[in-house]
């Protein structure tokens, strides 16, 4: 497991590089040379938090007020 650090400026300039670096472990974002944030893959976050990875349905169920929404999409008429 690697240890990567990006300054706030470098992180803002190249987020993709920070994303790639998370393959080796957490990426620390520094502010004035001191660690300020940790950037990590969602799987690592869930493991650290002791939670199972949420499904899309589980995430949608967690949206406040989402249970009272009605969704009745129009039917698509397809002719072959």
Protein backbone atom coordinates (compact mmCIF):
# COMPACT_ATOMS: atom_id res chain seq x y z
CA UNK A 1 0.00 0.00 0.00
CA UNK A 2 1.56 3.25 -1.16
CA UNK A 3 1.42 6.65 0.41
CA UNK A 4 0.74 9.53 -1.98
CA UNK A 5 0.36 13.23 -1.26
CA UNK A 6 -0.86 16.03 -3.51
CA UNK A 7 -0.86 19.71 -2.70
CA UNK A 8 -4.27 21.37 -2.95
CA UNK A 9 -3.10 23.11 -6.11
CA UNK A 10 -1.80 19.91 -7.75
CA UNK A 11 -4.98 18.07 -6.79
CA UNK A 12 -7.17 20.77 -8.37
CA UNK A 13 -5.00 20.77 -11.49
CA UNK A 14 -4.99 17.00 -12.02
CA UNK A 15 -7.77 15.14 -10.20
CA UNK A 16 -7.34 12.19 -12.59
CA UNK A 17 -3.79 11.61 -11.33
CA UNK A 18 -5.06 11.55 -7.75
CA UNK A 19 -7.78 9.07 -8.74
CA UNK A 20 -5.18 6.79 -10.31
CA UNK A 21 -2.98 7.06 -7.22
CA UNK A 22 -5.78 5.69 -5.01
CA UNK A 23 -5.10 2.27 -6.58
CA UNK A 24 -2.08 2.10 -4.23
CA UNK A 25 -3.89 3.41 -1.14
CA UNK A 26 -5.18 6.67 0.29
CA UNK A 27 -4.07 9.97 -1.22
CA UNK A 28 -3.45 12.83 1.18
CA UNK A 29 -4.32 16.34 0.03
CA UNK A 30 -2.12 18.89 1.74
CA UNK A 31 -2.79 22.51 2.57
CA UNK A 32 0.38 24.51 3.18
CA UNK A 33 2.36 21.31 3.53
CA UNK A 34 0.11 19.71 6.15
CA UNK A 35 -2.34 16.87 5.46
CA UNK A 36 -5.86 18.30 5.29
CA UNK A 37 -7.91 15.64 3.48
CA UNK A 38 -7.76 11.95 2.60
CA UNK A 39 -8.95 10.81 -0.83
CA UNK A 40 -9.67 7.10 -1.21
CA UNK A 41 -11.61 4.56 -3.24
CA UNK A 42 -15.20 4.03 -2.14
CA UNK A 43 -14.50 0.35 -1.42
CA UNK A 44 -11.76 1.40 1.02
CA UNK A 45 -14.10 3.90 2.67
CA UNK A 46 -16.80 1.27 3.22
CA UNK A 47 -14.20 -1.15 4.59
CA UNK A 48 -12.87 1.47 7.04
CA UNK A 49 -16.38 2.47 8.07
CA UNK A 50 -17.33 -1.18 8.64
CA UNK A 51 -20.22 -0.98 6.19
CA UNK A 52 -21.17 -3.11 3.24
CA UNK A 53 -21.04 -1.30 -0.07
CA UNK A 54 -24.40 0.30 -0.78
CA UNK A 55 -26.32 -0.62 -3.88
CA UNK A 56 -27.89 1.99 -6.13
CA UNK A 57 -31.30 1.09 -4.73
CA UNK A 58 -30.00 1.47 -1.17
CA UNK A 59 -28.57 4.88 -2.02
CA UNK A 60 -31.83 5.99 -3.61
CA UNK A 61 -33.80 4.76 -0.58
CA UNK A 62 -31.59 6.97 1.61
CA UNK A 63 -32.60 10.20 -0.16
CA UNK A 64 -34.72 12.27 2.25
CA UNK A 65 -38.29 12.61 0.97
CA UNK A 66 -37.63 10.13 -1.81
CA UNK A 67 -40.28 7.70 -0.61
CA UNK A 68 -43.10 10.10 -1.33
CA UNK A 69 -42.16 10.71 -4.97
CA UNK A 70 -44.39 9.36 -7.67
CA UNK A 71 -42.78 8.07 -10.83
CA UNK A 72 -44.98 6.92 -13.66
CA UNK A 73 -42.96 7.08 -16.89
CA UNK A 74 -44.85 7.19 -20.17
CA UNK A 75 -44.99 3.98 -22.16
CA UNK A 76 -42.84 3.85 -25.24
CA UNK A 77 -44.67 2.66 -28.34
CA UNK A 78 -42.35 0.57 -30.48
CA UNK A 79 -43.38 -0.67 -33.91
CA UNK A 80 -41.42 -3.36 -35.66
